C-alpha atoms as a PDB file:
ATOM      1  CA  MET A   1     -15.654   4.512  20.391  1.00  0.00           C
ATOM      2  CA  LYS A   2     -14.285   1.497  18.911  1.00  0.00           C
ATOM      3  CA  TYR A   3     -12.406   2.398  15.374  1.00  0.00           C
ATOM      4  CA  LYS A   4     -12.467   0.285  12.327  1.00  0.00           C
ATOM      5  CA  TYR A   5      -9.354   0.315  10.466  1.00  0.00           C
ATOM      6  CA  LEU A   6      -8.452  -0.449   6.887  1.00  0.00           C
ATOM      7  CA  ILE A   7      -5.028  -1.725   7.079  1.00  0.00           C
ATOM      8  CA  ILE A   8      -2.927  -1.975   3.499  1.00  0.00           C
ATOM      9  CA  GLY A   9       0.320  -3.773   3.204  1.00  0.00           C
ATOM     10  CA  SER A  10       2.303  -6.769   2.160  1.00  0.00           C
ATOM     11  CA  ARG A  11       1.729  -9.797   4.459  1.00  0.00           C
ATOM     12  CA  ALA A  12       3.815 -12.663   4.677  1.00  0.00           C
ATOM     13  CA  THR A  13       2.146 -16.006   4.132  1.00  0.00           C
ATOM     14  CA  ASP A  14       3.297 -19.789   4.636  1.00  0.00           C
ATOM     15  CA  ASP A  15       5.412 -19.489   1.675  1.00  0.00           C
ATOM     16  CA  PRO A  16       9.055 -18.832   2.653  1.00  0.00           C
ATOM     17  CA  LYS A  17       9.331 -16.871  -0.414  1.00  0.00           C
ATOM     18  CA  THR A  18       7.021 -14.196   0.816  1.00  0.00           C
ATOM     19  CA  HIS A  19       9.024 -13.943   4.047  1.00  0.00           C
ATOM     20  CA  GLY A  20      10.959 -10.483   4.641  1.00  0.00           C
ATOM     21  CA  GLY A  21      11.478  -7.681   6.879  1.00  0.00           C
ATOM     22  CA  THR A  22       8.313  -5.803   5.951  1.00  0.00           C
ATOM     23  CA  THR A  23       5.943  -8.650   5.121  1.00  0.00           C
ATOM     24  CA  LEU A  24       6.788 -10.392   8.623  1.00  0.00           C
ATOM     25  CA  LEU A  25       6.047  -6.897  10.160  1.00  0.00           C
ATOM     26  CA  VAL A  26       2.607  -6.556   8.225  1.00  0.00           C
ATOM     27  CA  LYS A  27       1.834 -10.151   9.547  1.00  0.00           C
ATOM     28  CA  GLN A  28       2.735  -9.099  13.018  1.00  0.00           C
ATOM     29  CA  LEU A  29       0.725  -5.887  13.048  1.00  0.00           C
ATOM     30  CA  LEU A  30      -2.353  -7.885  11.863  1.00  0.00           C
ATOM     31  CA  GLU A  31      -1.511 -10.537  14.695  1.00  0.00           C
ATOM     32  CA  TYR A  32      -1.624  -8.049  17.627  1.00  0.00           C
ATOM     33  CA  PHE A  33      -4.981  -6.648  15.806  1.00  0.00           C
ATOM     34  CA  ASP A  34      -6.462 -10.174  16.075  1.00  0.00           C
ATOM     35  CA  GLU A  35      -5.166 -10.797  19.877  1.00  0.00           C
ATOM     36  CA  HIS A  36      -6.777  -7.482  20.891  1.00  0.00           C
ATOM     37  CA  ASP A  37     -10.056  -7.598  19.082  1.00  0.00           C
ATOM     38  CA  LYS A  38      -9.216  -4.530  17.015  1.00  0.00           C
ATOM     39  CA  ASP A  39     -11.800  -4.360  14.076  1.00  0.00           C
ATOM     40  CA  TYR A  40     -10.106  -4.312  10.821  1.00  0.00           C
ATOM     41  CA  ILE A  41     -10.085  -4.974   6.921  1.00  0.00           C
ATOM     42  CA  PHE A  42      -7.092  -5.887   5.296  1.00  0.00           C
ATOM     43  CA  ILE A  43      -5.795  -5.445   1.737  1.00  0.00           C
ATOM     44  CA  GLN A  44      -3.182  -7.441   0.519  1.00  0.00           C
ATOM     45  CA  ALA A  45      -1.131  -5.076  -1.455  1.00  0.00           C
ATOM     46  CA  MET A  46       1.157  -7.964  -3.056  1.00  0.00           C
ATOM     47  CA  LYS A  47      -1.836 -10.513  -4.352  1.00  0.00           C
ATOM     48  CA  TYR A  48      -0.683 -11.148  -7.641  1.00  0.00           C
ATOM     49  CA  SER A  49       2.862 -12.215  -9.062  1.00  0.00           C
ATOM     50  CA  GLY A  50       4.044 -12.672 -12.518  1.00  0.00           C
ATOM     51  CA  LYS A  51       4.019 -10.730 -15.600  1.00  0.00           C
ATOM     52  CA  PHE A  52       2.628  -6.969 -14.979  1.00  0.00           C
ATOM     53  CA  SER A  53       1.687  -8.036 -11.471  1.00  0.00           C
ATOM     54  CA  PHE A  54       2.849  -4.290 -10.196  1.00  0.00           C
ATOM     55  CA  ILE A  55       0.022  -2.826 -12.316  1.00  0.00           C
ATOM     56  CA  TRP A  56      -2.511  -5.524 -11.308  1.00  0.00           C
ATOM     57  CA  ASN A  57      -1.372  -5.197  -7.742  1.00  0.00           C
ATOM     58  CA  TYR A  58      -1.620  -1.393  -7.803  1.00  0.00           C
ATOM     59  CA  PHE A  59      -5.287  -1.421  -9.196  1.00  0.00           C
ATOM     60  CA  GLN A  60      -6.729  -4.061  -6.941  1.00  0.00           C
ATOM     61  CA  VAL A  61      -5.598  -2.065  -3.996  1.00  0.00           C
ATOM     62  CA  ILE A  62      -7.035   1.092  -5.320  1.00  0.00           C
ATOM     63  CA  PHE A  63     -10.383  -0.542  -6.353  1.00  0.00           C
ATOM     64  CA  ASN A  64     -10.601  -2.387  -2.862  1.00  0.00           C
ATOM     65  CA  THR A  65      -9.900   0.930  -1.117  1.00  0.00           C
ATOM     66  CA  LEU A  66     -12.889   2.389  -2.713  1.00  0.00           C
ATOM     67  CA  ILE A  67     -15.145  -0.597  -1.713  1.00  0.00           C
ATOM     68  CA  HIS A  68     -14.124  -0.624   1.727  1.00  0.00           C
ATOM     69  CA  ILE A  69     -13.624   3.233   2.693  1.00  0.00           C
ATOM     70  CA  ARG A  70     -17.046   4.099   4.022  1.00  0.00           C
ATOM     71  CA  LYS A  71     -16.936   1.086   6.293  1.00  0.00           C
ATOM     72  CA  VAL A  72     -13.703   2.520   8.297  1.00  0.00           C
ATOM     73  CA  ASP A  73     -12.553   5.139  10.315  1.00  0.00           C
ATOM     74  CA  ILE A  74      -8.555   5.020   9.956  1.00  0.00           C
ATOM     75  CA  VAL A  75      -7.019   3.951   6.939  1.00  0.00           C
ATOM     76  CA  LEU A  76      -3.148   2.477   7.923  1.00  0.00           C
ATOM     77  CA  VAL A  77      -0.959   2.185   4.955  1.00  0.00           C
ATOM     78  CA  ASN A  78       2.355   0.089   5.306  1.00  0.00           C
ATOM     79  CA  VAL A  79       4.890   0.600   2.504  1.00  0.00           C
ATOM     80  CA  SER A  80       8.564   0.495   1.475  1.00  0.00           C
ATOM     81  CA  ASN A  81       9.871   2.423  -1.645  1.00  0.00           C
ATOM     82  CA  ASN A  82       7.637   1.729  -4.143  1.00  0.00           C
ATOM     83  CA  GLY A  83       4.496   1.748  -2.122  1.00  0.00           C
ATOM     84  CA  ALA A  84       5.481   4.945  -0.808  1.00  0.00           C
ATOM     85  CA  TYR A  85       5.952   6.742  -4.249  1.00  0.00           C
ATOM     86  CA  PHE A  86       2.985   5.026  -6.357  1.00  0.00           C
ATOM     87  CA  LEU A  87       0.682   3.655  -4.068  1.00  0.00           C
ATOM     88  CA  SER A  88       0.391   6.086  -1.094  1.00  0.00           C
ATOM     89  CA  PRO A  89      -0.747   9.290  -2.716  1.00  0.00           C
ATOM     90  CA  PHE A  90      -3.577   7.419  -4.344  1.00  0.00           C
ATOM     91  CA  VAL A  91      -5.003   5.716  -1.257  1.00  0.00           C
ATOM     92  CA  LEU A  92      -4.606   9.093   0.471  1.00  0.00           C
ATOM     93  CA  PHE A  93      -6.449  11.006  -2.097  1.00  0.00           C
ATOM     94  CA  ILE A  94      -9.432   8.557  -1.810  1.00  0.00           C
ATOM     95  CA  THR A  95      -9.196   8.948   1.928  1.00  0.00           C
ATOM     96  CA  LYS A  96      -9.422  12.540   1.811  1.00  0.00           C
ATOM     97  CA  ILE A  97     -12.450  12.676  -0.261  1.00  0.00           C
ATOM     98  CA  PHE A  98     -14.229  10.205   2.240  1.00  0.00           C
ATOM     99  CA  HIS A  99     -12.849  12.498   5.235  1.00  0.00           C
ATOM    100  CA  LYS A 100     -11.185   9.387   6.910  1.00  0.00           C
ATOM    101  CA  LYS A 101      -8.040   9.608   8.846  1.00  0.00           C
ATOM    102  CA  PHE A 102      -4.882   8.443   6.930  1.00  0.00           C
ATOM    103  CA  VAL A 103      -1.816   6.948   8.668  1.00  0.00           C
ATOM    104  CA  PHE A 104       1.409   6.515   6.493  1.00  0.00           C
ATOM    105  CA  ARG A 105       3.877   4.173   7.924  1.00  0.00           C
ATOM    106  CA  ARG A 106       6.977   3.970   6.013  1.00  0.00           C
ATOM    107  CA  PHE A 107       9.379   0.774   6.466  1.00  0.00           C
ATOM    108  CA  ALA A 108      13.247   0.708   6.645  1.00  0.00           C
ATOM    109  CA  GLY A 109      15.630   3.528   7.340  1.00  0.00           C
ATOM    110  CA  ASN A 110      16.917   4.413   3.488  1.00  0.00           C
ATOM    111  CA  PHE A 111      14.131   7.307   3.022  1.00  0.00           C
ATOM    112  CA  LEU A 112      16.313  10.212   2.625  1.00  0.00           C
ATOM    113  CA  GLU A 113      18.776   8.778   0.485  1.00  0.00           C
ATOM    114  CA  THR A 114      16.396   7.456  -1.993  1.00  0.00           C
ATOM    115  CA  TYR A 115      14.323  10.831  -1.793  1.00  0.00           C
ATOM    116  CA  LYS A 116      17.456  12.755  -2.647  1.00  0.00           C
ATOM    117  CA  LYS A 117      18.304  10.382  -5.484  1.00  0.00           C
ATOM    118  CA  THR A 118      14.579  10.065  -7.151  1.00  0.00           C
ATOM    119  CA  ASN A 119      13.045  12.376 -10.002  1.00  0.00           C
ATOM    120  CA  VAL A 120      11.052  15.181  -9.638  1.00  0.00           C
ATOM    121  CA  MET A 121       7.523  13.556 -10.085  1.00  0.00           C
ATOM    122  CA  LYS A 122       8.469  10.897  -7.329  1.00  0.00           C
ATOM    123  CA  LYS A 123       9.261  13.806  -4.975  1.00  0.00           C
ATOM    124  CA  LYS A 124       6.105  15.654  -5.825  1.00  0.00           C
ATOM    125  CA  LEU A 125       4.154  12.385  -5.034  1.00  0.00           C
ATOM    126  CA  ILE A 126       5.847  11.658  -1.566  1.00  0.00           C
ATOM    127  CA  ASP A 127       5.750  15.442  -0.656  1.00  0.00           C
ATOM    128  CA  PHE A 128       1.811  15.093  -0.891  1.00  0.00           C
ATOM    129  CA  VAL A 129       1.848  12.310   1.247  1.00  0.00           C
ATOM    130  CA  LEU A 130       4.102  13.729   3.826  1.00  0.00           C
ATOM    131  CA  LYS A 131       2.032  17.167   3.880  1.00  0.00           C
ATOM    132  CA  ASN A 132      -1.124  15.617   3.919  1.00  0.00           C
ATOM    133  CA  ALA A 133      -1.172  12.534   6.076  1.00  0.00           C
ATOM    134  CA  ASP A 134      -2.864  12.904   9.508  1.00  0.00           C
ATOM    135  CA  ILE A 135      -0.091  10.601  11.171  1.00  0.00           C
ATOM    136  CA  ILE A 136       3.255   9.478   9.814  1.00  0.00           C
ATOM    137  CA  PHE A 137       5.361   6.557  11.469  1.00  0.00           C
ATOM    138  CA  PHE A 138       8.981   6.081  10.654  1.00  0.00           C
ATOM    139  CA  GLU A 139      11.400   3.262  11.694  1.00  0.00           C
ATOM    140  CA  PRO A 140      14.241   4.836  12.604  1.00  0.00           C
ATOM    141  CA  LYS A 141      14.667   7.842  15.147  1.00  0.00           C
ATOM    142  CA  TYR A 142      16.795   9.993  12.763  1.00  0.00           C
ATOM    143  CA  LEU A 143      13.970  10.259  10.150  1.00  0.00           C
ATOM    144  CA  VAL A 144      11.538  11.104  13.024  1.00  0.00           C
ATOM    145  CA  SER A 145      14.292  13.759  14.086  1.00  0.00           C
ATOM    146  CA  HIS A 146      14.398  15.107  10.537  1.00  0.00           C
ATOM    147  CA  TYR A 147      10.544  15.466   9.668  1.00  0.00           C
ATOM    148  CA  GLU A 148       9.543  16.597  12.896  1.00  0.00           C
ATOM    149  CA  LYS A 149      10.887  19.915  12.645  1.00  0.00           C
ATOM    150  CA  VAL A 150       8.305  20.625  10.127  1.00  0.00           C
ATOM    151  CA  ARG A 151       5.562  18.396  10.713  1.00  0.00           C
ATOM    152  CA  PRO A 152       3.921  17.935  14.180  1.00  0.00           C
ATOM    153  CA  ASN A 153       2.555  14.557  13.706  1.00  0.00           C
ATOM    154  CA  VAL A 154       5.627  12.250  13.057  1.00  0.00           C
ATOM    155  CA  TYR A 155       6.063   9.347  15.368  1.00  0.00           C
ATOM    156  CA  TRP A 156       8.686   6.542  16.026  1.00  0.00           C
ATOM    157  CA  PHE A 157       7.324   3.156  15.078  1.00  0.00           C
ATOM    158  CA  PRO A 158      10.477   0.724  15.181  1.00  0.00           C
ATOM    159  CA  ASN A 159      10.797  -2.965  14.142  1.00  0.00           C
ATOM    160  CA  ILE A 160       9.753  -4.992  17.264  1.00  0.00           C
ATOM    161  CA  ARG A 161       9.597  -8.335  18.566  1.00  0.00           C
ATOM    162  CA  LYS A 162       7.542 -10.447  21.124  1.00  0.00           C
ATOM    163  CA  ARG A 163       9.591 -11.650  24.265  1.00  0.00           C
ATOM    164  CA  THR A 164      10.766 -15.246  24.333  1.00  0.00           C
ATOM    165  CA  SER A 165      11.710 -17.683  27.080  1.00  0.00           C
ATOM    166  CA  TYR A 166      14.644 -18.712  25.049  1.00  0.00           C
ATOM    167  CA  ILE A 167      17.161 -16.628  27.246  1.00  0.00           C
ATOM    168  CA  ARG A 168      20.720 -17.408  26.604  1.00  0.00           C
ATOM    169  CA  ASP A 169      21.796 -18.769  30.210  1.00  0.00           C
ATOM    170  CA  ILE A 170      24.238 -16.280  32.058  1.00  0.00           C
ATOM    171  CA  ASN A 171      25.980 -19.125  33.583  1.00  0.00           C
ATOM    172  CA  GLN A 172      26.732 -20.567  29.719  1.00  0.00           C
ATOM    173  CA  PRO A 173      30.502 -20.004  29.309  1.00  0.00           C
ATOM    174  CA  TYR A 174      31.696 -17.782  26.099  1.00  0.00           C
ATOM    175  CA  THR A 175      32.445 -20.339  23.455  1.00  0.00           C
ATOM    176  CA  LYS A 176      33.591 -18.289  20.729  1.00  0.00           C
ATOM    177  CA  LYS A 177      30.462 -19.267  18.591  1.00  0.00           C
ATOM    178  CA  PHE A 178      29.224 -16.784  16.093  1.00  0.00           C
ATOM    179  CA  VAL A 179      26.155 -16.813  13.920  1.00  0.00           C
ATOM    180  CA  PHE A 180      24.638 -14.973  11.027  1.00  0.00           C
ATOM    181  CA  LEU A 181      20.891 -15.269  10.165  1.00  0.00           C
ATOM    182  CA  GLY A 182      19.589 -13.629   7.169  1.00  0.00           C
ATOM    183  CA  GLN A 183      19.434 -13.547   3.178  1.00  0.00           C
ATOM    184  CA  ILE A 184      22.972 -15.014   2.107  1.00  0.00           C
ATOM    185  CA  ARG A 185      24.011 -12.156  -0.178  1.00  0.00           C
ATOM    186  CA  GLU A 186      26.881  -9.804  -1.016  1.00  0.00           C
ATOM    187  CA  GLU A 187      25.068  -6.753   0.710  1.00  0.00           C
ATOM    188  CA  LYS A 188      24.933  -8.484   3.965  1.00  0.00           C
ATOM    189  CA  GLY A 189      28.622  -8.547   4.265  1.00  0.00           C
ATOM    190  CA  ILE A 190      28.995 -12.459   3.640  1.00  0.00           C
ATOM    191  CA  ASP A 191      32.298 -11.717   1.610  1.00  0.00           C
ATOM    192  CA  GLU A 192      33.622  -9.788   4.751  1.00  0.00           C
ATOM    193  CA  ILE A 193      32.798 -12.630   7.320  1.00  0.00           C
ATOM    194  CA  LEU A 194      34.375 -15.338   5.146  1.00  0.00           C
ATOM    195  CA  GLU A 195      37.483 -13.312   5.035  1.00  0.00           C
ATOM    196  CA  ALA A 196      37.643 -12.553   8.541  1.00  0.00           C
ATOM    197  CA  PHE A 197      36.868 -16.522   9.456  1.00  0.00           C
ATOM    198  CA  LYS A 198      39.655 -17.303   7.062  1.00  0.00           C
ATOM    199  CA  LEU A 199      42.134 -15.623   9.423  1.00  0.00           C
ATOM    200  CA  LEU A 200      40.839 -17.067  12.616  1.00  0.00           C
ATOM    201  CA  SER A 201      41.698 -20.297  14.325  1.00  0.00           C
ATOM    202  CA  ASN A 202      39.164 -22.985  14.580  1.00  0.00           C
ATOM    203  CA  GLU A 203      38.474 -22.119  18.029  1.00  0.00           C
ATOM    204  CA  TYR A 204      36.167 -19.560  16.413  1.00  0.00           C
ATOM    205  CA  SER A 205      33.363 -20.738  14.453  1.00  0.00           C
ATOM    206  CA  ILE A 206      30.441 -19.351  12.346  1.00  0.00           C
ATOM    207  CA  ASP A 207      26.929 -20.818  11.463  1.00  0.00           C
ATOM    208  CA  LEU A 208      25.236 -19.211   8.401  1.00  0.00           C
ATOM    209  CA  TYR A 209      21.472 -19.275   8.366  1.00  0.00           C
ATOM    210  CA  GLY A 210      19.357 -18.153   5.638  1.00  0.00           C
ATOM    211  CA  ASN A 211      18.487 -18.314   1.796  1.00  0.00           C
ATOM    212  CA  LEU A 212      21.218 -18.700  -0.615  1.00  0.00           C
ATOM    213  CA  PHE A 213      20.136 -15.516  -2.633  1.00  0.00           C
ATOM    214  CA  GLN A 214      23.198 -15.361  -5.041  1.00  0.00           C
ATOM    215  CA  GLU A 215      24.757 -18.353  -6.963  1.00  0.00           C
ATOM    216  CA  LYS A 216      28.223 -17.492  -5.753  1.00  0.00           C
ATOM    217  CA  TYR A 217      27.187 -18.507  -2.177  1.00  0.00           C
ATOM    218  CA  ASN A 218      26.855 -22.258  -2.228  1.00  0.00           C
ATOM    219  CA  GLU A 219      27.389 -25.284   0.045  1.00  0.00           C
ATOM    220  CA  THR A 220      30.563 -26.137  -1.964  1.00  0.00           C
ATOM    221  CA  LEU A 221      31.962 -22.599  -1.108  1.00  0.00           C
ATOM    222  CA  PHE A 222      31.522 -22.872   2.432  1.00  0.00           C
ATOM    223  CA  ARG A 223      33.173 -26.499   2.819  1.00  0.00           C
ATOM    224  CA  GLU A 224      36.385 -24.591   1.983  1.00  0.00           C
ATOM    225  CA  TYR A 225      36.382 -23.040   5.441  1.00  0.00           C
ATOM    226  CA  SER A 226      36.999 -25.111   8.384  1.00  0.00           C
ATOM    227  CA  ASN A 227      35.295 -22.926  10.808  1.00  0.00           C
ATOM    228  CA  VAL A 228      32.360 -21.653   8.493  1.00  0.00           C
ATOM    229  CA  SER A 229      28.947 -23.925   8.358  1.00  0.00           C
ATOM    230  CA  TYR A 230      25.765 -23.231   6.290  1.00  0.00           C
ATOM    231  CA  LYS A 231      22.863 -24.466   8.065  1.00  0.00           C
ATOM    232  CA  GLY A 232      20.065 -23.918   5.605  1.00  0.00           C
ATOM    233  CA  LEU A 233      16.909 -21.951   6.387  1.00  0.00           C
ATOM    234  CA  VAL A 234      15.108 -21.362  10.030  1.00  0.00           C
ATOM    235  CA  HIS A 235      11.460 -21.070  10.377  1.00  0.00           C
ATOM    236  CA  ASN A 236      10.329 -17.925  11.950  1.00  0.00           C
ATOM    237  CA  GLU A 237       9.133 -20.079  15.058  1.00  0.00           C
ATOM    238  CA  GLN A 238      12.623 -21.310  15.618  1.00  0.00           C
ATOM    239  CA  VAL A 239      14.823 -18.182  15.443  1.00  0.00           C
ATOM    240  CA  TYR A 240      14.979 -17.425  19.372  1.00  0.00           C
ATOM    241  CA  GLU A 241      15.821 -21.297  19.766  1.00  0.00           C
ATOM    242  CA  VAL A 242      18.053 -21.104  17.559  1.00  0.00           C
ATOM    243  CA  LEU A 243      19.906 -17.975  18.296  1.00  0.00           C
ATOM    244  CA  SER A 244      20.238 -18.805  22.183  1.00  0.00           C
ATOM    245  CA  LYS A 245      22.641 -21.537  21.291  1.00  0.00           C
ATOM    246  CA  TYR A 246      25.347 -19.085  20.160  1.00  0.00           C
ATOM    247  CA  ASP A 247      27.383 -16.258  21.606  1.00  0.00           C
ATOM    248  CA  VAL A 248      27.432 -13.433  19.473  1.00  0.00           C
ATOM    249  CA  LEU A 249      25.315 -12.549  16.108  1.00  0.00           C
ATOM    250  CA  VAL A 250      27.116 -10.907  13.515  1.00  0.00           C
ATOM    251  CA  LEU A 251      25.486  -8.537  10.766  1.00  0.00           C
ATOM    252  CA  PRO A 252      28.165  -6.605   8.510  1.00  0.00           C
ATOM    253  CA  SER A 253      25.467  -5.337   6.024  1.00  0.00           C
ATOM    254  CA  TYR A 254      26.008  -2.652   3.620  1.00  0.00           C
ATOM    255  CA  MET A 255      22.364  -1.168   4.158  1.00  0.00           C
ATOM    256  CA  GLU A 256      19.705  -1.726   6.633  1.00  0.00           C
ATOM    257  CA  GLY A 257      16.808   0.014   8.493  1.00  0.00           C
ATOM    258  CA  TYR A 258      16.031  -1.725  11.824  1.00  0.00           C
ATOM    259  CA  PRO A 259      17.051  -5.089  10.973  1.00  0.00           C
ATOM    260  CA  GLY A 260      14.710  -7.652  12.775  1.00  0.00           C
ATOM    261  CA  VAL A 261      17.118 -10.202  13.403  1.00  0.00           C
ATOM    262  CA  LEU A 262      19.427  -7.639  15.991  1.00  0.00           C
ATOM    263  CA  ILE A 263      16.151  -7.224  17.930  1.00  0.00           C
ATOM    264  CA  GLU A 264      15.887 -11.061  18.234  1.00  0.00           C
ATOM    265  CA  ALA A 265      19.447 -11.152  19.183  1.00  0.00           C
ATOM    266  CA  PHE A 266      18.767  -8.736  21.951  1.00  0.00           C
ATOM    267  CA  ALA A 267      15.622 -10.704  22.935  1.00  0.00           C
ATOM    268  CA  VAL A 268      17.739 -13.837  23.969  1.00  0.00           C
ATOM    269  CA  GLY A 269      20.788 -11.815  25.297  1.00  0.00           C
ATOM    270  CA  LEU A 270      23.283 -12.066  22.360  1.00  0.00           C
ATOM    271  CA  PRO A 271      25.569  -9.238  21.919  1.00  0.00           C
ATOM    272  CA  VAL A 272      26.041  -8.365  18.183  1.00  0.00           C
ATOM    273  CA  ILE A 273      28.502  -6.964  15.756  1.00  0.00           C
ATOM    274  CA  SER A 274      27.115  -4.818  13.002  1.00  0.00           C
ATOM    275  CA  THR A 275      27.995  -1.908  10.741  1.00  0.00           C
ATOM    276  CA  ASP A 276      27.809   1.826  11.761  1.00  0.00           C
ATOM    277  CA  LEU A 277      24.876   2.733   9.767  1.00  0.00           C
ATOM    278  CA  GLU A 278      22.571   5.477  10.666  1.00  0.00           C
ATOM    279  CA  SER A 279      19.864   3.469  11.828  1.00  0.00           C
ATOM    280  CA  ILE A 280      21.887   0.380  13.504  1.00  0.00           C
ATOM    281  CA  LYS A 281      23.794   3.408  15.448  1.00  0.00           C
ATOM    282  CA  GLU A 282      20.342   3.650  17.251  1.00  0.00           C
ATOM    283  CA  MET A 283      20.401   0.086  18.385  1.00  0.00           C
ATOM    284  CA  VAL A 284      23.925  -0.913  19.066  1.00  0.00           C
ATOM    285  CA  ASP A 285      25.613   0.944  21.906  1.00  0.00           C
ATOM    286  CA  ASP A 286      27.231  -0.839  24.771  1.00  0.00           C
ATOM    287  CA  ASN A 287      25.404  -3.990  23.794  1.00  0.00           C
ATOM    288  CA  GLY A 288      27.843  -4.787  20.811  1.00  0.00           C
ATOM    289  CA  ILE A 289      30.377  -3.536  18.622  1.00  0.00           C
ATOM    290  CA  LEU A 290      30.105  -1.452  15.424  1.00  0.00           C
ATOM    291  CA  ILE A 291      32.302  -1.523  12.599  1.00  0.00           C
ATOM    292  CA  LYS A 292      32.682   0.178   9.064  1.00  0.00           C
ATOM    293  CA  SER A 293      30.850  -1.796   6.281  1.00  0.00           C
ATOM    294  CA  LYS A 294      33.076  -3.551   3.817  1.00  0.00           C
ATOM    295  CA  SER A 295      35.821  -3.916   6.381  1.00  0.00           C
ATOM    296  CA  SER A 296      36.903  -7.339   6.878  1.00  0.00           C
ATOM    297  CA  LYS A 297      39.761  -6.043   9.001  1.00  0.00           C
ATOM    298  CA  GLN A 298      37.372  -4.310  11.421  1.00  0.00           C
ATOM    299  CA  LEU A 299      35.275  -7.364  11.395  1.00  0.00           C
ATOM    300  CA  LEU A 300      38.175  -9.495  12.476  1.00  0.00           C
ATOM    301  CA  GLU A 301      39.106  -6.966  15.282  1.00  0.00           C
ATOM    302  CA  ALA A 302      35.667  -7.015  16.853  1.00  0.00           C
ATOM    303  CA  ILE A 303      35.292 -10.754  16.674  1.00  0.00           C
ATOM    304  CA  GLN A 304      38.583 -11.097  18.622  1.00  0.00           C
ATOM    305  CA  SER A 305      37.375  -8.062  20.896  1.00  0.00           C
ATOM    306  CA  TYR A 306      34.788 -10.409  22.784  1.00  0.00           C
ATOM    307  CA  ASN A 307      36.377 -12.366  25.527  1.00  0.00           C
ATOM    308  CA  VAL A 308      35.520 -14.334  28.928  1.00  0.00           C
ATOM    309  CA  GLU A 309      35.877 -11.202  30.897  1.00  0.00           C
ATOM    310  CA  ASN A 310      33.738  -8.674  28.896  1.00  0.00           C
ATOM    311  CA  TYR A 311      31.190 -11.273  27.623  1.00  0.00           C
ATOM    312  CA  LEU A 312      28.807 -11.223  30.355  1.00  0.00           C
ATOM    313  CA  LYS A 313      28.321  -7.218  30.337  1.00  0.00           C
ATOM    314  CA  TYR A 314      27.717  -6.998  26.592  1.00  0.00           C
ATOM    315  CA  SER A 315      25.046  -9.937  27.088  1.00  0.00           C
ATOM    316  CA  GLU A 316      23.183  -8.363  29.836  1.00  0.00           C
ATOM    317  CA  LEU A 317      23.150  -4.928  28.231  1.00  0.00           C
ATOM    318  CA  SER A 318      21.743  -6.600  24.919  1.00  0.00           C
ATOM    319  CA  LEU A 319      19.018  -8.082  26.996  1.00  0.00           C
ATOM    320  CA  LYS A 320      18.300  -4.911  28.397  1.00  0.00           C
ATOM    321  CA  LYS A 321      18.112  -2.950  25.133  1.00  0.00           C
ATOM    322  CA  PHE A 322      15.479  -5.398  23.966  1.00  0.00           C
ATOM    323  CA  GLU A 323      12.992  -3.512  26.127  1.00  0.00           C
ATOM    324  CA  GLU A 324      12.916  -0.675  23.521  1.00  0.00           C
ATOM    325  CA  PHE A 325      11.775  -3.000  20.893  1.00  0.00           C
ATOM    326  CA  GLU A 326       9.186  -4.777  22.747  1.00  0.00           C
ATOM    327  CA  TYR A 327       6.003  -5.923  20.842  1.00  0.00           C
ATOM    328  CA  GLU A 328       2.965  -5.180  23.582  1.00  0.00           C
ATOM    329  CA  GLU A 329       4.229  -1.851  24.932  1.00  0.00           C
ATOM    330  CA  THR A 330       4.978  -0.745  21.545  1.00  0.00           C
ATOM    331  CA  TYR A 331       1.757  -1.510  19.917  1.00  0.00           C
ATOM    332  CA  LYS A 332       0.031   0.026  22.608  1.00  0.00           C
ATOM    333  CA  ARG A 333       1.630   3.408  22.189  1.00  0.00           C
ATOM    334  CA  ILE A 334       0.779   3.303  18.356  1.00  0.00           C
ATOM    335  CA  VAL A 335      -2.812   2.230  18.603  1.00  0.00           C
ATOM    336  CA  LYS A 336      -3.255   5.104  21.088  1.00  0.00           C
ATOM    337  CA  ILE A 337      -1.606   7.622  18.588  1.00  0.00           C
ATOM    338  CA  CYS A 338      -3.599   6.431  15.681  1.00  0.00           C
ATOM    339  CA  GLU A 339      -6.760   6.810  17.739  1.00  0.00           C
ATOM    340  CA  GLU A 340      -6.313   9.942  19.622  1.00  0.00           C
ATOM    341  CA  GLU A 341      -4.235  12.270  17.520  1.00  0.00           C
END
């Protein structure tokens, strides 16, 4: 039997302003469906922008769901916080009225934290979704472990990436070249990076790539550091090529799910330095070094921990770790769950 899907989510477009972890994952999902001739209808959750856009987007998703629900077999909702609480319950209600399969995919790894802090009404709405969804996908394993104790239909759907030919040459010497790729903002640990590199000699260098998200981070600021350079934006198609020119990826974030840039680093064979957040601990073991968030001291020590003697082993383990987040095999498993459960 060939199943038809109704896929709801926010997809990245050619506009760089629409590029983010979740929007790129939705785009990736649709690309896989196109590549494998899967039959689907897509509803863009963030169709409108501007004043009252949340309300307009909300109603257009509900309206389009009602229009298309009879044509499909499976409804796959891809959401983060707001979508989980405000959109998913009503799409689920429509789906159940028409006796279709409802699949709930929640991005990022801070679900339990936000759930505990939210109000009673929001808790009731998300409880309704979790109780009645036919299939539930979470990004980190610790959420799967938490909910599978009470729900039999909870599965792991990690952030994933395609393979690349841009793999760091194992014969390339360790040169103390570090890289950060992501939004240039405080929550990504930029202050800690600057503090650490201020104490390092010019033998060490780090290049920063990404959108200057906050005013305090600007090119004038970075010019104050002899071993820190801001390199601007990187197009998605260039990420692997750029990363392969460095030795180690640095991501000392304060809050993350499964950062795509870590997986991209694994794919090219780069070891990483990141923070010991619950979800990141599932990604980084012998293939990198974990530190406490907001600690420039630990970041400095981690940077200095890499050397010519241990680097190759870290690199090999990082490349091996990528297999857990590989595009093709993961999607095969996900589609099988959706269509056979």
